[in-house]
Amino acid sequence: MIRCTKILVVLLSATVVLTGLSTDTDARRRRCRKRDKLVKLKYKQGGQVWIPARISCGGTAPVIILLHGNNKSLDRHPSLGGGRRLGKLVSKYVRSRQIWPVVLAEPIHHGACSKNRGGLPSVFGQGFNFKVYRKKLARLLRKQGIKVRSWSLMAHSGSGCCPGAGIFAAVKAFPRLYLYATSDTCYGSHFYANFIVTHFLRKRTRVVNTCRGAAGHAAYKRYEKTFIGKRHQRCGRIDGRYYKRCRKRRHKRWYAYVTKATGVTSHNQVFKEIVKTLLYKFFRRRVRRR
């Protein structure tokens, strides 16, 4: 009887402790004010993480990592908190329930992938370790009460140009990707299209590339022939304001978009438009029919 009483006391004590922890967690959530957050992530030259109000007090969400292009100007926020202001743009889509809440993360690296680098290393190459960045990002998200549903990479310009650096280095640290996308990058070297085919042919990753009106260039033709193949499929409906055409690889979720010269007028606009397009394509909230 004494032993049973001791066990009962222990169980009651454990229940009290667990109840206390639960109450503390609930209290923290009640105190939390739901709002869009732009949180700094300290690694190398900096970086930021944008969290929408819907999950600012905790939740589960896809995480999209935005890789900027050549950064000779030492820009500290090309897409988030300045520059393209993608956080404000995406916030409108989340608030209006057009897309699911997503987390946007933008690491920063002062590098360039070109012959005249000005003494800078390859963008997201030497001196930048994506495995370290992933650990820091995951730790930051845990502190915010956010569980990662999936990882995606979107890269612009120079981040798709340097073999062994940029998005190619990122893929090694994020092997299970939901979405892999690049915009207005390098097509002259065969390694780029071959890299995609080698790494993603047997995976379910969505692969997308957007090119600003260069479909007639010989380098792009060679690239698309490898990436999409000789017999392509239609992509379905595309936004005619910005895109001239889209081709899809047969039996795969691989897409090659080409923009209109009149719709997308600058190199930087390409990235902004493809981010919008892919959010609607792969993260859209679908209304259930009753």
C-alpha atoms as a PDB file:
ATOM      1  CA  MET A   1       0.000   0.000   0.000  1.00  0.00           C
ATOM      2  CA  ILE A   2       2.896   2.335   0.851  1.00  0.00           C
ATOM      3  CA  ARG A   3       4.599   1.568  -2.513  1.00  0.00           C
ATOM      4  CA  CYS A   4       1.378   2.307  -4.439  1.00  0.00           C
ATOM      5  CA  THR A   5       1.003   5.593  -2.568  1.00  0.00           C
ATOM      6  CA  LYS A   6       4.572   6.621  -3.493  1.00  0.00           C
ATOM      7  CA  ILE A   7       3.954   5.825  -7.166  1.00  0.00           C
ATOM      8  CA  LEU A   8       0.725   7.821  -7.102  1.00  0.00           C
ATOM      9  CA  VAL A   9       2.547  10.818  -5.575  1.00  0.00           C
ATOM     10  CA  VAL A  10       5.254  10.646  -8.267  1.00  0.00           C
ATOM     11  CA  LEU A  11       2.634  10.490 -11.032  1.00  0.00           C
ATOM     12  CA  LEU A  12       0.735  13.432  -9.567  1.00  0.00           C
ATOM     13  CA  SER A  13       3.964  15.451  -9.292  1.00  0.00           C
ATOM     14  CA  ALA A  14       4.837  14.703 -12.929  1.00  0.00           C
ATOM     15  CA  THR A  15       1.332  15.739 -13.989  1.00  0.00           C
ATOM     16  CA  VAL A  16       1.675  19.025 -12.117  1.00  0.00           C
ATOM     17  CA  VAL A  17       5.045  19.704 -13.787  1.00  0.00           C
ATOM     18  CA  LEU A  18       3.730  18.906 -17.278  1.00  0.00           C
ATOM     19  CA  THR A  19       0.620  20.988 -16.655  1.00  0.00           C
ATOM     20  CA  GLY A  20       2.840  23.851 -15.539  1.00  0.00           C
ATOM     21  CA  LEU A  21       4.961  23.619 -18.696  1.00  0.00           C
ATOM     22  CA  SER A  22       1.828  23.519 -20.857  1.00  0.00           C
ATOM     23  CA  THR A  23       0.413  26.529 -19.023  1.00  0.00           C
ATOM     24  CA  ASP A  24       3.672  28.453 -19.535  1.00  0.00           C
ATOM     25  CA  THR A  25       3.639  27.673 -23.266  1.00  0.00           C
ATOM     26  CA  ASP A  26       0.001  28.709 -23.577  1.00  0.00           C
ATOM     27  CA  ALA A  27       0.733  31.885 -21.636  1.00  0.00           C
ATOM     28  CA  ARG A  28       3.628  32.765 -23.958  1.00  0.00           C
ATOM     29  CA  ARG A  29       1.398  32.270 -26.980  1.00  0.00           C
ATOM     30  CA  ARG A  30      -1.307  34.453 -25.454  1.00  0.00           C
ATOM     31  CA  ARG A  31       1.268  37.179 -24.821  1.00  0.00           C
ATOM     32  CA  CYS A  32       2.598  36.917 -28.376  1.00  0.00           C
ATOM     33  CA  ARG A  33       1.305  39.615 -30.700  1.00  0.00           C
ATOM     34  CA  LYS A  34       0.746  38.294 -34.213  1.00  0.00           C
ATOM     35  CA  ARG A  35       2.602  40.455 -36.709  1.00  0.00           C
ATOM     36  CA  ASP A  36       5.002  40.106 -39.618  1.00  0.00           C
ATOM     37  CA  LYS A  37       8.549  39.675 -38.339  1.00  0.00           C
ATOM     38  CA  LEU A  38      11.909  40.410 -39.946  1.00  0.00           C
ATOM     39  CA  VAL A  39      14.478  38.645 -37.775  1.00  0.00           C
ATOM     40  CA  LYS A  40      18.239  39.005 -38.211  1.00  0.00           C
ATOM     41  CA  LEU A  41      20.320  35.862 -38.612  1.00  0.00           C
ATOM     42  CA  LYS A  42      23.953  36.478 -37.746  1.00  0.00           C
ATOM     43  CA  TYR A  43      26.270  34.592 -40.086  1.00  0.00           C
ATOM     44  CA  LYS A  44      29.127  36.007 -42.181  1.00  0.00           C
ATOM     45  CA  GLN A  45      27.923  39.266 -43.804  1.00  0.00           C
ATOM     46  CA  GLY A  46      24.493  38.972 -42.221  1.00  0.00           C
ATOM     47  CA  GLY A  47      21.081  37.915 -43.422  1.00  0.00           C
ATOM     48  CA  GLN A  48      17.434  38.070 -42.433  1.00  0.00           C
ATOM     49  CA  VAL A  49      14.416  35.806 -42.026  1.00  0.00           C
ATOM     50  CA  TRP A  50      10.881  36.978 -42.759  1.00  0.00           C
ATOM     51  CA  ILE A  51       8.030  35.335 -40.834  1.00  0.00           C
ATOM     52  CA  PRO A  52       4.374  36.144 -41.656  1.00  0.00           C
ATOM     53  CA  ALA A  53       1.955  37.167 -38.927  1.00  0.00           C
ATOM     54  CA  ARG A  54      -0.087  33.959 -39.320  1.00  0.00           C
ATOM     55  CA  ILE A  55       2.761  31.882 -37.808  1.00  0.00           C
ATOM     56  CA  SER A  56       4.652  34.578 -35.913  1.00  0.00           C
ATOM     57  CA  CYS A  57       3.596  32.936 -32.616  1.00  0.00           C
ATOM     58  CA  GLY A  58       4.525  29.442 -33.801  1.00  0.00           C
ATOM     59  CA  GLY A  59       3.409  26.840 -36.317  1.00  0.00           C
ATOM     60  CA  THR A  60       4.545  24.750 -39.267  1.00  0.00           C
ATOM     61  CA  ALA A  61       5.529  26.250 -42.624  1.00  0.00           C
ATOM     62  CA  PRO A  62       7.570  25.731 -45.790  1.00  0.00           C
ATOM     63  CA  VAL A  63      10.901  27.584 -45.744  1.00  0.00           C
ATOM     64  CA  ILE A  64      12.145  29.250 -48.934  1.00  0.00           C
ATOM     65  CA  ILE A  65      15.783  30.342 -49.060  1.00  0.00           C
ATOM     66  CA  LEU A  66      16.431  33.268 -51.417  1.00  0.00           C
ATOM     67  CA  LEU A  67      19.956  33.420 -52.860  1.00  0.00           C
ATOM     68  CA  HIS A  68      20.991  36.762 -54.338  1.00  0.00           C
ATOM     69  CA  GLY A  69      23.299  37.096 -57.336  1.00  0.00           C
ATOM     70  CA  ASN A  70      26.692  38.795 -57.558  1.00  0.00           C
ATOM     71  CA  ASN A  71      27.104  41.124 -54.603  1.00  0.00           C
ATOM     72  CA  LYS A  72      30.014  43.416 -55.460  1.00  0.00           C
ATOM     73  CA  SER A  73      28.125  46.401 -54.045  1.00  0.00           C
ATOM     74  CA  LEU A  74      28.053  44.692 -50.609  1.00  0.00           C
ATOM     75  CA  ASP A  75      24.262  44.938 -50.379  1.00  0.00           C
ATOM     76  CA  ARG A  76      22.958  43.717 -47.014  1.00  0.00           C
ATOM     77  CA  HIS A  77      19.362  42.994 -48.067  1.00  0.00           C
ATOM     78  CA  PRO A  78      18.709  42.583 -51.830  1.00  0.00           C
ATOM     79  CA  SER A  79      15.288  40.932 -51.329  1.00  0.00           C
ATOM     80  CA  LEU A  80      14.210  41.267 -47.676  1.00  0.00           C
ATOM     81  CA  GLY A  81      14.002  44.461 -45.661  1.00  0.00           C
ATOM     82  CA  GLY A  82      15.107  46.540 -48.642  1.00  0.00           C
ATOM     83  CA  GLY A  83      15.727  46.145 -52.338  1.00  0.00           C
ATOM     84  CA  ARG A  84      12.842  44.109 -53.785  1.00  0.00           C
ATOM     85  CA  ARG A  85      10.921  44.105 -50.458  1.00  0.00           C
ATOM     86  CA  LEU A  86       9.612  40.605 -51.072  1.00  0.00           C
ATOM     87  CA  GLY A  87       8.429  40.306 -47.479  1.00  0.00           C
ATOM     88  CA  LYS A  88       5.814  43.037 -47.956  1.00  0.00           C
ATOM     89  CA  LEU A  89       4.738  41.535 -51.266  1.00  0.00           C
ATOM     90  CA  VAL A  90       4.327  38.012 -49.865  1.00  0.00           C
ATOM     91  CA  SER A  91       2.581  39.362 -46.760  1.00  0.00           C
ATOM     92  CA  LYS A  92      -0.320  40.547 -48.930  1.00  0.00           C
ATOM     93  CA  TYR A  93      -0.749  37.065 -50.411  1.00  0.00           C
ATOM     94  CA  VAL A  94      -0.676  35.374 -46.991  1.00  0.00           C
ATOM     95  CA  ARG A  95      -3.097  37.853 -45.376  1.00  0.00           C
ATOM     96  CA  SER A  96      -5.574  37.461 -48.239  1.00  0.00           C
ATOM     97  CA  ARG A  97      -5.254  33.643 -47.906  1.00  0.00           C
ATOM     98  CA  GLN A  98      -4.148  33.246 -51.504  1.00  0.00           C
ATOM     99  CA  ILE A  99      -1.087  31.220 -50.438  1.00  0.00           C
ATOM    100  CA  TRP A 100      -0.099  29.241 -47.331  1.00  0.00           C
ATOM    101  CA  PRO A 101       2.127  31.010 -44.813  1.00  0.00           C
ATOM    102  CA  VAL A 102       5.758  30.619 -45.911  1.00  0.00           C
ATOM    103  CA  VAL A 103       9.022  31.657 -44.283  1.00  0.00           C
ATOM    104  CA  LEU A 104      11.518  33.566 -46.442  1.00  0.00           C
ATOM    105  CA  ALA A 105      15.213  33.397 -45.512  1.00  0.00           C
ATOM    106  CA  GLU A 106      17.935  35.416 -47.222  1.00  0.00           C
ATOM    107  CA  PRO A 107      21.594  34.738 -46.448  1.00  0.00           C
ATOM    108  CA  ILE A 108      24.084  37.406 -47.520  1.00  0.00           C
ATOM    109  CA  HIS A 109      27.524  36.857 -49.062  1.00  0.00           C
ATOM    110  CA  HIS A 110      29.771  39.520 -50.564  1.00  0.00           C
ATOM    111  CA  GLY A 111      30.943  37.568 -53.580  1.00  0.00           C
ATOM    112  CA  ALA A 112      30.707  37.397 -57.357  1.00  0.00           C
ATOM    113  CA  CYS A 113      30.934  34.810 -60.117  1.00  0.00           C
ATOM    114  CA  SER A 114      32.680  36.641 -62.937  1.00  0.00           C
ATOM    115  CA  LYS A 115      36.159  37.149 -64.385  1.00  0.00           C
ATOM    116  CA  ASN A 116      36.471  40.517 -62.680  1.00  0.00           C
ATOM    117  CA  ARG A 117      35.530  39.721 -59.096  1.00  0.00           C
ATOM    118  CA  GLY A 118      37.238  42.723 -57.549  1.00  0.00           C
ATOM    119  CA  GLY A 119      38.986  40.520 -55.014  1.00  0.00           C
ATOM    120  CA  LEU A 120      35.750  38.876 -53.872  1.00  0.00           C
ATOM    121  CA  PRO A 121      35.279  35.096 -53.606  1.00  0.00           C
ATOM    122  CA  SER A 122      32.668  33.180 -55.595  1.00  0.00           C
ATOM    123  CA  VAL A 123      29.183  34.128 -54.439  1.00  0.00           C
ATOM    124  CA  PHE A 124      28.190  31.714 -51.628  1.00  0.00           C
ATOM    125  CA  GLY A 125      31.461  29.925 -52.242  1.00  0.00           C
ATOM    126  CA  GLN A 126      34.699  30.223 -50.284  1.00  0.00           C
ATOM    127  CA  GLY A 127      34.038  31.413 -46.747  1.00  0.00           C
ATOM    128  CA  PHE A 128      30.335  30.489 -46.767  1.00  0.00           C
ATOM    129  CA  ASN A 129      29.202  27.126 -45.410  1.00  0.00           C
ATOM    130  CA  PHE A 130      25.558  26.205 -46.107  1.00  0.00           C
ATOM    131  CA  LYS A 131      25.575  23.424 -43.519  1.00  0.00           C
ATOM    132  CA  VAL A 132      26.475  25.954 -40.844  1.00  0.00           C
ATOM    133  CA  TYR A 133      23.858  28.351 -42.204  1.00  0.00           C
ATOM    134  CA  ARG A 134      21.182  25.629 -42.140  1.00  0.00           C
ATOM    135  CA  LYS A 135      21.910  24.846 -38.473  1.00  0.00           C
ATOM    136  CA  LYS A 136      21.728  28.519 -37.528  1.00  0.00           C
ATOM    137  CA  LEU A 137      18.505  28.979 -39.499  1.00  0.00           C
ATOM    138  CA  ALA A 138      16.888  25.881 -37.993  1.00  0.00           C
ATOM    139  CA  ARG A 139      17.874  27.051 -34.492  1.00  0.00           C
ATOM    140  CA  LEU A 140      16.404  30.509 -35.105  1.00  0.00           C
ATOM    141  CA  LEU A 141      13.138  29.015 -36.360  1.00  0.00           C
ATOM    142  CA  ARG A 142      12.879  26.719 -33.322  1.00  0.00           C
ATOM    143  CA  LYS A 143      13.231  29.749 -31.054  1.00  0.00           C
ATOM    144  CA  GLN A 144      10.337  31.315 -32.963  1.00  0.00           C
ATOM    145  CA  GLY A 145       8.278  28.155 -32.416  1.00  0.00           C
ATOM    146  CA  ILE A 146       8.327  27.236 -36.116  1.00  0.00           C
ATOM    147  CA  LYS A 147       8.616  23.686 -37.438  1.00  0.00           C
ATOM    148  CA  VAL A 148       9.935  23.295 -41.005  1.00  0.00           C
ATOM    149  CA  ARG A 149       7.493  21.596 -43.371  1.00  0.00           C
ATOM    150  CA  SER A 150       9.836  21.642 -46.386  1.00  0.00           C
ATOM    151  CA  TRP A 151      12.965  23.342 -47.748  1.00  0.00           C
ATOM    152  CA  SER A 152      13.093  25.208 -51.073  1.00  0.00           C
ATOM    153  CA  LEU A 153      15.819  27.174 -52.868  1.00  0.00           C
ATOM    154  CA  MET A 154      15.323  30.130 -55.212  1.00  0.00           C
ATOM    155  CA  ALA A 155      18.467  31.675 -56.716  1.00  0.00           C
ATOM    156  CA  HIS A 156      19.113  34.653 -58.942  1.00  0.00           C
ATOM    157  CA  SER A 157      21.806  35.488 -61.483  1.00  0.00           C
ATOM    158  CA  GLY A 158      25.336  34.766 -60.201  1.00  0.00           C
ATOM    159  CA  SER A 159      24.146  32.194 -57.666  1.00  0.00           C
ATOM    160  CA  GLY A 160      23.515  29.859 -60.592  1.00  0.00           C
ATOM    161  CA  CYS A 161      26.823  30.539 -62.340  1.00  0.00           C
ATOM    162  CA  CYS A 162      29.687  29.327 -60.136  1.00  0.00           C
ATOM    163  CA  PRO A 163      30.423  25.580 -60.206  1.00  0.00           C
ATOM    164  CA  GLY A 164      30.811  24.387 -56.625  1.00  0.00           C
ATOM    165  CA  ALA A 165      29.366  27.610 -55.198  1.00  0.00           C
ATOM    166  CA  GLY A 166      25.988  29.384 -55.142  1.00  0.00           C
ATOM    167  CA  ILE A 167      22.981  27.137 -55.456  1.00  0.00           C
ATOM    168  CA  PHE A 168      25.184  24.152 -56.308  1.00  0.00           C
ATOM    169  CA  ALA A 169      26.789  24.336 -52.860  1.00  0.00           C
ATOM    170  CA  ALA A 170      23.372  24.870 -51.245  1.00  0.00           C
ATOM    171  CA  VAL A 171      21.963  21.660 -52.756  1.00  0.00           C
ATOM    172  CA  LYS A 172      24.524  19.616 -50.834  1.00  0.00           C
ATOM    173  CA  ALA A 173      23.316  21.083 -47.537  1.00  0.00           C
ATOM    174  CA  PHE A 174      19.612  20.754 -48.446  1.00  0.00           C
ATOM    175  CA  PRO A 175      19.425  17.347 -50.177  1.00  0.00           C
ATOM    176  CA  ARG A 176      15.632  16.934 -49.866  1.00  0.00           C
ATOM    177  CA  LEU A 177      14.236  19.938 -51.687  1.00  0.00           C
ATOM    178  CA  TYR A 178      10.603  20.661 -52.467  1.00  0.00           C
ATOM    179  CA  LEU A 179      11.459  23.385 -55.018  1.00  0.00           C
ATOM    180  CA  TYR A 180      14.694  24.314 -56.835  1.00  0.00           C
ATOM    181  CA  ALA A 181      14.428  27.474 -58.920  1.00  0.00           C
ATOM    182  CA  THR A 182      16.802  29.878 -60.663  1.00  0.00           C
ATOM    183  CA  SER A 183      16.271  33.046 -62.659  1.00  0.00           C
ATOM    184  CA  ASP A 184      18.295  34.815 -65.354  1.00  0.00           C
ATOM    185  CA  THR A 185      21.446  32.834 -64.716  1.00  0.00           C
ATOM    186  CA  CYS A 186      24.336  31.424 -66.815  1.00  0.00           C
ATOM    187  CA  TYR A 187      23.570  29.134 -69.738  1.00  0.00           C
ATOM    188  CA  GLY A 188      26.864  29.150 -71.645  1.00  0.00           C
ATOM    189  CA  SER A 189      28.385  26.260 -69.691  1.00  0.00           C
ATOM    190  CA  HIS A 190      27.024  22.753 -70.026  1.00  0.00           C
ATOM    191  CA  PHE A 191      27.575  22.036 -66.335  1.00  0.00           C
ATOM    192  CA  TYR A 192      24.385  23.865 -65.328  1.00  0.00           C
ATOM    193  CA  ALA A 193      21.817  21.783 -67.226  1.00  0.00           C
ATOM    194  CA  ASN A 194      23.822  18.608 -66.639  1.00  0.00           C
ATOM    195  CA  PHE A 195      23.849  19.355 -62.897  1.00  0.00           C
ATOM    196  CA  ILE A 196      20.051  19.537 -62.829  1.00  0.00           C
ATOM    197  CA  VAL A 197      19.576  16.302 -64.760  1.00  0.00           C
ATOM    198  CA  THR A 198      22.160  14.460 -62.654  1.00  0.00           C
ATOM    199  CA  HIS A 199      20.826  15.591 -59.281  1.00  0.00           C
ATOM    200  CA  PHE A 200      17.071  15.694 -59.785  1.00  0.00           C
ATOM    201  CA  LEU A 201      16.117  13.139 -62.434  1.00  0.00           C
ATOM    202  CA  ARG A 202      15.144  10.521 -59.839  1.00  0.00           C
ATOM    203  CA  LYS A 203      13.736  12.960 -57.297  1.00  0.00           C
ATOM    204  CA  ARG A 204      10.313  14.573 -56.912  1.00  0.00           C
ATOM    205  CA  THR A 205      11.757  18.084 -56.625  1.00  0.00           C
ATOM    206  CA  ARG A 206      10.045  20.795 -58.664  1.00  0.00           C
ATOM    207  CA  VAL A 207      12.692  22.416 -60.886  1.00  0.00           C
ATOM    208  CA  VAL A 208      12.113  25.809 -62.522  1.00  0.00           C
ATOM    209  CA  ASN A 209      14.218  28.236 -64.517  1.00  0.00           C
ATOM    210  CA  THR A 210      13.277  31.673 -65.828  1.00  0.00           C
ATOM    211  CA  CYS A 211      15.161  33.441 -68.574  1.00  0.00           C
ATOM    212  CA  ARG A 212      14.714  37.074 -69.600  1.00  0.00           C
ATOM    213  CA  GLY A 213      13.955  36.973 -73.313  1.00  0.00           C
ATOM    214  CA  ALA A 214      17.026  34.985 -74.397  1.00  0.00           C
ATOM    215  CA  ALA A 215      15.232  31.996 -75.896  1.00  0.00           C
ATOM    216  CA  GLY A 216      16.817  32.658 -79.290  1.00  0.00           C
ATOM    217  CA  HIS A 217      20.414  32.606 -78.027  1.00  0.00           C
ATOM    218  CA  ALA A 218      22.437  29.541 -78.971  1.00  0.00           C
ATOM    219  CA  ALA A 219      23.645  29.018 -75.378  1.00  0.00           C
ATOM    220  CA  TYR A 220      20.098  29.017 -74.031  1.00  0.00           C
ATOM    221  CA  LYS A 221      18.894  26.659 -76.767  1.00  0.00           C
ATOM    222  CA  ARG A 222      21.600  24.140 -75.826  1.00  0.00           C
ATOM    223  CA  TYR A 223      20.725  24.505 -72.152  1.00  0.00           C
ATOM    224  CA  GLU A 224      16.972  24.029 -72.660  1.00  0.00           C
ATOM    225  CA  LYS A 225      17.539  21.036 -74.941  1.00  0.00           C
ATOM    226  CA  THR A 226      19.273  19.241 -72.061  1.00  0.00           C
ATOM    227  CA  PHE A 227      16.989  20.557 -69.311  1.00  0.00           C
ATOM    228  CA  ILE A 228      13.595  20.118 -71.013  1.00  0.00           C
ATOM    229  CA  GLY A 229      14.489  17.547 -73.672  1.00  0.00           C
ATOM    230  CA  LYS A 230      13.595  17.367 -77.351  1.00  0.00           C
ATOM    231  CA  ARG A 231       9.874  16.672 -76.827  1.00  0.00           C
ATOM    232  CA  HIS A 232       8.439  19.144 -74.348  1.00  0.00           C
ATOM    233  CA  GLN A 233       4.963  19.469 -72.878  1.00  0.00           C
ATOM    234  CA  ARG A 234       2.847  22.574 -72.310  1.00  0.00           C
ATOM    235  CA  CYS A 235       2.979  24.167 -68.847  1.00  0.00           C
ATOM    236  CA  GLY A 236      -0.673  25.067 -68.711  1.00  0.00           C
ATOM    237  CA  ARG A 237      -1.897  28.616 -68.145  1.00  0.00           C
ATOM    238  CA  ILE A 238       0.798  31.311 -67.809  1.00  0.00           C
ATOM    239  CA  ASP A 239       0.575  35.021 -67.055  1.00  0.00           C
ATOM    240  CA  GLY A 240       0.741  36.642 -70.493  1.00  0.00           C
ATOM    241  CA  ARG A 241       1.671  40.006 -69.008  1.00  0.00           C
ATOM    242  CA  TYR A 242       5.117  38.763 -68.043  1.00  0.00           C
ATOM    243  CA  TYR A 243       5.838  35.500 -69.861  1.00  0.00           C
ATOM    244  CA  LYS A 244       6.363  34.804 -73.539  1.00  0.00           C
ATOM    245  CA  ARG A 245       6.222  31.025 -73.189  1.00  0.00           C
ATOM    246  CA  CYS A 246       6.833  28.090 -70.866  1.00  0.00           C
ATOM    247  CA  ARG A 247       7.991  24.556 -71.642  1.00  0.00           C
ATOM    248  CA  LYS A 248       7.759  21.493 -69.394  1.00  0.00           C
ATOM    249  CA  ARG A 249       9.875  18.348 -69.384  1.00  0.00           C
ATOM    250  CA  ARG A 250       7.773  15.265 -70.134  1.00  0.00           C
ATOM    251  CA  HIS A 251       6.693  13.308 -67.036  1.00  0.00           C
ATOM    252  CA  LYS A 252       8.529  15.705 -64.675  1.00  0.00           C
ATOM    253  CA  ARG A 253       7.655  18.894 -62.800  1.00  0.00           C
ATOM    254  CA  TRP A 254      10.433  20.795 -64.553  1.00  0.00           C
ATOM    255  CA  TYR A 255       9.597  24.136 -66.172  1.00  0.00           C
ATOM    256  CA  ALA A 256      11.442  26.644 -68.364  1.00  0.00           C
ATOM    257  CA  TYR A 257       9.866  30.117 -68.486  1.00  0.00           C
ATOM    258  CA  VAL A 258      10.890  32.859 -70.916  1.00  0.00           C
ATOM    259  CA  THR A 259       9.778  36.403 -70.098  1.00  0.00           C
ATOM    260  CA  LYS A 260       8.459  39.109 -72.382  1.00  0.00           C
ATOM    261  CA  ALA A 261      10.758  42.036 -73.125  1.00  0.00           C
ATOM    262  CA  THR A 262       7.847  44.422 -72.549  1.00  0.00           C
ATOM    263  CA  GLY A 263       6.611  42.734 -69.368  1.00  0.00           C
ATOM    264  CA  VAL A 264       9.905  42.196 -67.553  1.00  0.00           C
ATOM    265  CA  THR A 265      12.210  45.081 -68.337  1.00  0.00           C
ATOM    266  CA  SER A 266      15.152  44.498 -65.977  1.00  0.00           C
ATOM    267  CA  HIS A 267      17.447  41.748 -64.744  1.00  0.00           C
ATOM    268  CA  ASN A 268      16.332  42.282 -61.128  1.00  0.00           C
ATOM    269  CA  GLN A 269      12.620  42.165 -61.988  1.00  0.00           C
ATOM    270  CA  VAL A 270      12.956  38.589 -63.261  1.00  0.00           C
ATOM    271  CA  PHE A 271      13.562  37.249 -59.762  1.00  0.00           C
ATOM    272  CA  LYS A 272      10.655  39.174 -58.257  1.00  0.00           C
ATOM    273  CA  GLU A 273       8.223  37.910 -60.903  1.00  0.00           C
ATOM    274  CA  ILE A 274       9.293  34.263 -60.681  1.00  0.00           C
ATOM    275  CA  VAL A 275       8.984  34.318 -56.872  1.00  0.00           C
ATOM    276  CA  LYS A 276       5.396  35.555 -57.258  1.00  0.00           C
ATOM    277  CA  THR A 277       4.656  32.986 -59.974  1.00  0.00           C
ATOM    278  CA  LEU A 278       6.021  30.027 -58.026  1.00  0.00           C
ATOM    279  CA  LEU A 279       4.262  30.991 -54.807  1.00  0.00           C
ATOM    280  CA  TYR A 280       0.962  30.808 -56.671  1.00  0.00           C
ATOM    281  CA  LYS A 281       1.972  27.643 -58.517  1.00  0.00           C
ATOM    282  CA  PHE A 282       3.287  25.540 -55.638  1.00  0.00           C
ATOM    283  CA  PHE A 283       2.129  27.177 -52.376  1.00  0.00           C
ATOM    284  CA  ARG A 284      -1.376  28.315 -53.299  1.00  0.00           C
ATOM    285  CA  ARG A 285      -4.286  27.647 -50.962  1.00  0.00           C
ATOM    286  CA  ARG A 286      -6.847  25.623 -52.848  1.00  0.00           C
ATOM    287  CA  VAL A 287     -10.479  26.201 -51.880  1.00  0.00           C
ATOM    288  CA  ARG A 288     -12.305  22.966 -51.174  1.00  0.00           C
ATOM    289  CA  ARG A 289     -15.539  22.511 -53.069  1.00  0.00           C
ATOM    290  CA  ARG A 290     -18.538  21.579 -50.956  1.00  0.00           C
END
